[in-house]
């Protein structure tokens, strides 16, 4: 069992909301523009990977080589499409149990931080109408190192004025679980045990935390 904790740090995508489908739609649209098909199976290779690396994988699938300037332009175009998609998100897209568990934690005096690589995290939380449930939001605008580097979680702990050992991390990606452990925190993985072996506990979703 996990034991007591004073702070909870949540990843965003795959934990509180699922924006993966919007990333997929944007990448597939870009591939179509470049003249090849990008399937959901291809998309599996992009999970937990940076935008720059994702573009490299996409171009590899399409067997294309582009100049650095064109790569930058296409990466920006993809992100603009993605932002356009997520602008229309609403409360109905919060994953089961996520809002209820956040409220439960607040009611029990637990400090809450977001630790996400997404630069669009604040807008997503606003659209979901759950921004006020977080004491601090650490996103891609404040971090320079990607998970599994523990930077995002250490900044989260600092933001809620707690020591790492007093915090618990909720993550759905292998790199995120590793980042949490490297930060010296306990980690609850959301997903499959075989993928998230380093987590202290693995659940199917935050709805399990309020049962």
Protein backbone atom coordinates (compact mmCIF):
# COMPACT_ATOMS: atom_id res chain seq x y z
CA UNK A 1 0.00 0.00 0.00
CA UNK A 2 1.07 3.59 -0.61
CA UNK A 3 0.71 5.07 2.87
CA UNK A 4 0.00 8.69 3.80
CA UNK A 5 1.06 11.69 1.71
CA UNK A 6 0.71 15.47 1.88
CA UNK A 7 0.84 16.31 -1.82
CA UNK A 8 -0.33 14.75 -5.08
CA UNK A 9 1.20 15.55 -8.47
CA UNK A 10 -0.74 14.57 -11.57
CA UNK A 11 0.31 14.10 -15.16
CA UNK A 12 -2.41 15.43 -17.46
CA UNK A 13 -2.79 13.28 -20.56
CA UNK A 14 -3.97 9.75 -19.85
CA UNK A 15 -4.53 10.55 -16.17
CA UNK A 16 -7.06 13.41 -16.02
CA UNK A 17 -8.02 13.67 -19.68
CA UNK A 18 -7.24 11.88 -22.92
CA UNK A 19 -5.94 14.25 -25.59
CA UNK A 20 -4.13 11.47 -27.48
CA UNK A 21 -6.94 11.30 -30.05
CA UNK A 22 -6.43 14.97 -30.92
CA UNK A 23 -2.68 14.50 -31.33
CA UNK A 24 -3.45 11.56 -33.63
CA UNK A 25 -5.92 13.58 -35.72
CA UNK A 26 -3.34 16.37 -36.16
CA UNK A 27 -0.48 14.01 -37.07
CA UNK A 28 -2.71 12.05 -39.48
CA UNK A 29 -3.77 15.32 -41.13
CA UNK A 30 -0.12 16.32 -41.54
CA UNK A 31 0.78 12.92 -43.03
CA UNK A 32 -2.10 13.24 -45.48
CA UNK A 33 -0.81 16.64 -46.54
CA UNK A 34 2.64 15.09 -47.04
CA UNK A 35 1.14 12.33 -49.18
CA UNK A 36 1.05 9.20 -47.01
CA UNK A 37 -1.18 7.46 -44.49
CA UNK A 38 -0.54 7.60 -40.74
CA UNK A 39 -2.42 4.84 -38.92
CA UNK A 40 -3.42 4.38 -35.27
CA UNK A 41 -0.82 1.60 -35.11
CA UNK A 42 1.86 4.09 -36.24
CA UNK A 43 0.58 6.48 -33.59
CA UNK A 44 1.56 4.03 -30.82
CA UNK A 45 5.20 4.90 -31.57
CA UNK A 46 4.55 8.54 -30.66
CA UNK A 47 3.25 8.01 -27.11
CA UNK A 48 5.23 9.90 -24.49
CA UNK A 49 7.58 11.29 -27.17
CA UNK A 50 8.40 14.98 -27.75
CA UNK A 51 6.88 16.88 -30.68
CA UNK A 52 10.27 17.09 -32.46
CA UNK A 53 10.95 13.36 -32.11
CA UNK A 54 7.34 12.56 -33.10
CA UNK A 55 7.85 14.46 -36.36
CA UNK A 56 11.07 12.51 -37.02
CA UNK A 57 9.16 9.22 -36.57
CA UNK A 58 6.34 10.45 -38.82
CA UNK A 59 8.78 11.42 -41.58
CA UNK A 60 10.53 8.06 -41.19
CA UNK A 61 7.18 6.29 -41.69
CA UNK A 62 6.57 8.37 -44.81
CA UNK A 63 10.19 7.85 -45.95
CA UNK A 64 10.64 11.61 -46.29
CA UNK A 65 13.62 13.86 -45.63
CA UNK A 66 13.04 17.55 -44.98
CA UNK A 67 15.21 20.55 -44.18
CA UNK A 68 15.30 21.75 -40.57
CA UNK A 69 13.33 24.87 -41.54
CA UNK A 70 10.55 22.75 -43.09
CA UNK A 71 10.52 20.44 -40.07
CA UNK A 72 9.99 23.42 -37.78
CA UNK A 73 7.21 24.74 -39.98
CA UNK A 74 5.41 21.38 -40.12
CA UNK A 75 5.77 20.83 -36.35
CA UNK A 76 4.19 24.23 -35.77
CA UNK A 77 1.41 23.52 -38.25
CA UNK A 78 0.63 20.22 -36.47
CA UNK A 79 0.53 21.99 -33.11
CA UNK A 80 -1.78 24.72 -34.43
CA UNK A 81 -4.22 22.05 -35.62
CA UNK A 82 -3.97 20.24 -32.27
CA UNK A 83 -4.67 23.48 -30.36
CA UNK A 84 -7.65 24.14 -32.61
CA UNK A 85 -9.04 20.68 -31.74
CA UNK A 86 -8.54 20.97 -27.97
CA UNK A 87 -10.10 24.47 -27.85
CA UNK A 88 -13.44 22.68 -28.15
CA UNK A 89 -12.89 20.27 -25.26
CA UNK A 90 -15.30 20.44 -22.32
CA UNK A 91 -16.05 18.84 -18.95
CA UNK A 92 -17.47 15.72 -20.61
CA UNK A 93 -13.91 14.69 -21.55
CA UNK A 94 -12.55 14.41 -17.99
CA UNK A 95 -11.61 10.78 -17.39
CA UNK A 96 -13.87 8.80 -14.99
CA UNK A 97 -13.25 9.59 -11.33
CA UNK A 98 -10.61 12.28 -11.96
CA UNK A 99 -12.61 15.34 -10.86
CA UNK A 100 -14.15 13.46 -7.93
CA UNK A 101 -10.74 12.33 -6.69
CA UNK A 102 -9.26 15.84 -6.98
CA UNK A 103 -12.16 17.20 -4.92
CA UNK A 104 -11.71 14.37 -2.39
CA UNK A 105 -8.01 15.26 -1.98
CA UNK A 106 -8.75 18.97 -1.52
CA UNK A 107 -11.41 18.19 1.07
CA UNK A 108 -8.78 16.19 2.97
CA UNK A 109 -6.17 18.97 2.95
CA UNK A 110 -3.89 17.39 0.34
CA UNK A 111 -2.02 19.89 -1.87
CA UNK A 112 -2.38 19.29 -5.59
CA UNK A 113 0.01 20.02 -8.47
CA UNK A 114 -0.06 19.33 -12.18
CA UNK A 115 3.18 18.03 -13.70
CA UNK A 116 2.77 17.90 -17.47
CA UNK A 117 5.02 18.36 -20.49
CA UNK A 118 2.13 19.94 -22.39
CA UNK A 119 2.40 23.66 -23.06
CA UNK A 120 -1.35 23.68 -23.57
CA UNK A 121 -2.13 22.32 -20.08
CA UNK A 122 -3.55 25.59 -18.63
CA UNK A 123 -6.01 25.96 -21.52
CA UNK A 124 -7.11 22.32 -21.23
CA UNK A 125 -7.72 22.66 -17.47
CA UNK A 126 -9.71 25.86 -18.09
CA UNK A 127 -11.86 24.12 -20.71
CA UNK A 128 -12.47 21.24 -18.31
CA UNK A 129 -13.34 23.79 -15.58
CA UNK A 130 -10.97 22.18 -13.06
CA UNK A 131 -8.12 24.76 -12.91
CA UNK A 132 -9.17 25.86 -9.42
CA UNK A 133 -8.62 22.33 -8.07
CA UNK A 134 -4.85 22.71 -8.55
CA UNK A 135 -2.59 24.65 -6.18
CA UNK A 136 0.12 24.90 -8.82
CA UNK A 137 0.45 24.07 -12.52
CA UNK A 138 3.85 23.03 -13.87
CA UNK A 139 3.80 22.55 -17.64
CA UNK A 140 6.04 22.62 -20.68
CA UNK A 141 6.41 26.39 -20.38
CA UNK A 142 8.32 26.08 -17.09
CA UNK A 143 10.41 22.99 -17.80
CA UNK A 144 13.44 22.46 -20.01
CA UNK A 145 13.96 18.71 -19.51
CA UNK A 146 11.62 15.95 -20.64
CA UNK A 147 10.59 12.96 -18.55
CA UNK A 148 12.20 10.63 -17.39
CA UNK A 149 14.13 13.63 -16.04
CA UNK A 150 12.44 14.40 -12.69
CA UNK A 151 12.46 18.20 -13.21
CA UNK A 152 8.69 18.61 -13.68
CA UNK A 153 7.86 16.71 -10.48
CA UNK A 154 10.54 18.40 -8.40
CA UNK A 155 9.17 21.78 -9.52
CA UNK A 156 5.70 20.55 -8.61
CA UNK A 157 6.80 19.61 -5.09
CA UNK A 158 8.55 22.98 -4.73
CA UNK A 159 5.40 24.76 -5.92
CA UNK A 160 3.27 23.14 -3.21
CA UNK A 161 6.10 23.64 -0.68
CA UNK A 162 6.62 19.96 0.13
CA UNK A 163 9.56 17.56 0.20
CA UNK A 164 9.59 14.94 -2.59
CA UNK A 165 9.13 12.08 -0.09
CA UNK A 166 5.83 13.66 1.04
CA UNK A 167 4.43 13.59 -2.52
CA UNK A 168 2.76 10.96 -4.62
CA UNK A 169 2.77 11.01 -8.44
CA UNK A 170 -0.01 9.78 -10.76
CA UNK A 171 1.34 8.80 -14.19
CA UNK A 172 0.31 6.71 -17.19
CA UNK A 173 3.61 6.62 -19.10
CA UNK A 174 6.72 4.56 -18.40
CA UNK A 175 8.97 7.64 -18.69
CA UNK A 176 6.70 9.51 -16.26
CA UNK A 177 6.80 6.70 -13.69
CA UNK A 178 10.57 6.67 -13.94
CA UNK A 179 10.66 10.48 -13.52
CA UNK A 180 8.57 10.21 -10.38
CA UNK A 181 10.84 7.56 -8.88
CA UNK A 182 13.95 9.58 -9.78
CA UNK A 183 12.36 12.55 -7.99
CA UNK A 184 12.21 10.41 -4.83
CA UNK A 185 8.43 10.15 -4.86
CA UNK A 186 5.99 7.29 -4.63
CA UNK A 187 4.22 6.62 -7.92
CA UNK A 188 0.81 5.26 -8.82
CA UNK A 189 0.74 4.09 -12.41
CA UNK A 190 -2.42 4.27 -14.47
CA UNK A 191 -2.52 1.56 -17.11
CA UNK A 192 -0.96 -1.87 -17.45
CA UNK A 193 1.27 -3.48 -14.83
CA UNK A 194 3.61 -4.96 -17.46
CA UNK A 195 4.32 -1.47 -18.84
CA UNK A 196 4.49 0.39 -15.53
CA UNK A 197 6.58 -2.09 -13.55
CA UNK A 198 8.49 0.60 -11.60
CA UNK A 199 5.28 2.05 -10.11
CA UNK A 200 4.50 1.37 -6.44
CA UNK A 201 0.96 0.51 -7.42
CA UNK A 202 -0.92 0.26 -10.73
CA UNK A 203 -4.60 1.09 -11.21
CA UNK A 204 -6.93 1.34 -14.21
CA UNK A 205 -7.99 4.92 -13.51
CA UNK A 206 -8.50 7.51 -10.78
CA UNK A 207 -12.03 6.14 -10.23
CA UNK A 208 -10.33 3.30 -8.32
CA UNK A 209 -9.00 5.80 -5.76
CA UNK A 210 -12.48 6.78 -4.60
CA UNK A 211 -14.04 3.33 -4.37
